[in-house]
Every structure is written in structure tokens, then in C-alpha cells.
Amino acid sequence: MNSSTHLDLPFIALADPTRRAILARLSHGDATVTELTRPFLMSQPAVSRHLKVLEQAGLITTAIDAQRRPRRLEAERLAELSGWIERLRENWEHNFRRLDQLLEETAPSLEPSRRRP
């Protein structure tokens, strides 16, 4: 999987509010499809399709526990996304600090032109 796809799939999965709600629920602990279906006004197969997208994106996994198939949040994958966003934020902050510095350096030279005669 190339680096673009590595980021694209989870962000595409996170674009849907139902999938974000499922992840929020899983942040409190593992849950089966039946448990995950309860708060939604949709069928179990529809929720299963959302789960498949989340699993393909690497955001959740399916465990096998006798007859149950609980879904589990993949915190490491979310940490990867968070780290990527954090690096992006740091770059923007660095650029804004450079812009602030440039504006401070050029502001004194602009002052006389702002004064009215």
C-alpha cells in the first residue's frame, strides 16, 4: 500500500458520521454488530457495511470470542493519523511564526507611509 492510500482509506472512512459514531462507541470498549446497531436507525447489514469500511481502513479489527465477533478499535492506527495531523499543524505554526516575524520586521518600514501629513 502506498503512503497516499495509507492515509486516504482512514480519512475516507472517517468522513462518514455513522462511522465516526461507531468509532466513538468502540472507544469505550469492544462491541458486537448487534450492540453497535442499537443506537442507529438502520439495519444490521447496513452497520456491517460501515464496519467493513472501518476494518479495511485499519481503524477496527474483529476478534473471535466463541460465538461472538466483537469489534475493537485500533488505537495505533488512530495514533498514526493523529501524528500526521500533528506534523501538519506544526508546519503551519512554523509558517505562521515566520510570517509574524516577517511582518514585525517590515512593519517599522511601513509606519511612515501610514502617517497622514
Protein backbone atom coordinates (compact mmCIF):
# COMPACT_ATOMS: atom_id res chain seq x y z
CA MET A 1 0.00 0.00 0.00
CA ASN A 2 1.50 3.35 -0.97
CA SER A 3 1.66 6.23 1.50
CA SER A 4 -1.23 8.11 -0.11
CA THR A 5 -3.57 5.12 0.15
CA HIS A 6 -2.30 4.51 3.66
CA LEU A 7 -3.82 7.89 4.63
CA ASP A 8 -6.71 8.01 2.15
CA LEU A 9 -8.60 4.96 3.36
CA PRO A 10 -8.90 6.01 7.01
CA PHE A 11 -9.78 9.60 6.15
CA ILE A 12 -12.45 8.40 3.70
CA ALA A 13 -13.79 6.13 6.43
CA LEU A 14 -13.81 9.00 8.94
CA ALA A 15 -15.74 11.23 6.53
CA ASP A 16 -18.99 9.44 7.39
CA PRO A 17 -20.78 10.49 10.62
CA THR A 18 -22.11 6.97 11.26
CA ARG A 19 -18.61 5.52 11.12
CA ARG A 20 -17.32 8.25 13.44
CA ALA A 21 -20.14 7.42 15.87
CA ILE A 22 -19.21 3.73 15.71
CA LEU A 23 -15.58 4.61 16.49
CA ALA A 24 -16.74 6.79 19.39
CA ARG A 25 -18.72 3.85 20.77
CA LEU A 26 -15.76 1.49 20.34
CA SER A 27 -13.55 3.92 22.23
CA HIS A 28 -15.48 2.77 25.33
CA GLY A 29 -14.83 -0.91 24.66
CA ASP A 30 -15.35 -3.79 22.25
CA ALA A 31 -18.84 -4.36 20.85
CA THR A 32 -20.65 -6.80 18.58
CA VAL A 33 -22.54 -5.80 15.44
CA THR A 34 -25.80 -6.18 17.35
CA GLU A 35 -24.58 -3.84 20.10
CA LEU A 36 -23.32 -1.35 17.54
CA THR A 37 -26.62 -1.41 15.61
CA ARG A 38 -28.83 -0.41 18.59
CA PRO A 39 -28.32 3.39 18.53
CA PHE A 40 -28.81 3.68 14.76
CA LEU A 41 -31.97 3.75 12.69
CA MET A 42 -30.53 1.31 10.18
CA SER A 43 -30.39 -2.40 9.59
CA GLN A 44 -27.68 -4.70 10.88
CA PRO A 45 -26.42 -5.34 7.31
CA ALA A 46 -26.05 -1.56 6.82
CA VAL A 47 -24.00 -1.26 10.01
CA SER A 48 -21.95 -4.28 8.89
CA ARG A 49 -21.09 -2.44 5.67
CA HIS A 50 -19.84 0.52 7.73
CA LEU A 51 -17.80 -1.86 9.86
CA LYS A 52 -16.26 -3.37 6.73
CA VAL A 53 -15.11 0.09 5.59
CA LEU A 54 -13.63 0.80 9.02
CA GLU A 55 -11.85 -2.56 9.03
CA GLN A 56 -10.45 -2.07 5.52
CA ALA A 57 -9.13 1.31 6.67
CA GLY A 58 -7.39 -0.41 9.58
CA LEU A 59 -9.37 1.53 12.19
CA ILE A 60 -11.01 -1.54 13.75
CA THR A 61 -10.41 -5.28 13.94
CA THR A 62 -12.69 -8.24 14.52
CA ALA A 63 -11.91 -10.60 17.36
CA ILE A 64 -13.23 -14.15 17.70
CA ASP A 65 -14.72 -14.96 21.09
CA ALA A 66 -16.63 -18.26 20.88
CA GLN A 67 -19.86 -17.33 19.06
CA ARG A 68 -19.25 -13.60 19.29
CA ARG A 69 -17.31 -11.42 16.86
CA PRO A 70 -16.64 -8.24 18.81
CA ARG A 71 -15.14 -5.27 17.01
CA ARG A 72 -12.18 -3.50 18.57
CA LEU A 73 -10.81 -0.03 17.98
CA GLU A 74 -7.26 0.03 16.59
CA ALA A 75 -5.74 2.80 18.67
CA GLU A 76 -2.35 2.53 16.97
CA ARG A 77 -3.90 3.35 13.59
CA LEU A 78 -5.67 6.38 15.06
CA ALA A 79 -2.37 7.43 16.64
CA GLU A 80 -0.74 7.30 13.18
CA LEU A 81 -3.42 9.63 11.80
CA SER A 82 -3.13 11.90 14.80
CA GLY A 83 0.65 12.06 14.34
CA TRP A 84 0.25 13.01 10.68
CA ILE A 85 -2.22 15.76 11.59
CA GLU A 86 0.10 16.97 14.37
CA ARG A 87 3.05 17.23 11.95
CA LEU A 88 0.86 19.22 9.57
CA ARG A 89 -0.22 21.53 12.42
CA GLU A 90 3.41 22.05 13.47
CA ASN A 91 4.36 23.00 9.90
CA TRP A 92 1.54 25.54 9.74
CA GLU A 93 2.50 27.01 13.11
CA HIS A 94 6.11 27.31 11.95
CA ASN A 95 4.96 29.10 8.79
CA PHE A 96 2.74 31.47 10.79
CA ARG A 97 5.63 32.27 13.16
CA ARG A 98 7.83 33.06 10.14
CA LEU A 99 5.08 35.27 8.71
CA ASP A 100 4.69 37.07 12.06
CA GLN A 101 8.44 37.65 12.17
CA LEU A 102 8.47 39.00 8.63
CA LEU A 103 5.57 41.32 9.38
CA GLU A 104 7.30 42.60 12.51
CA GLU A 105 10.49 43.24 10.53
CA THR A 106 8.71 45.10 7.74
CA ALA A 107 6.15 46.94 9.88
CA PRO A 108 8.58 49.69 11.01
CA SER A 109 9.40 50.50 7.39
CA LEU A 110 5.70 50.74 6.62
CA GLU A 111 4.89 53.06 9.55
CA PRO A 112 5.87 56.39 7.91
CA SER A 113 3.63 55.72 4.93
CA ARG A 114 0.69 55.13 7.24
CA ARG A 115 1.00 58.54 8.88
CA ARG A 116 -1.06 61.36 7.49
CA PRO A 117 0.70 64.60 6.64
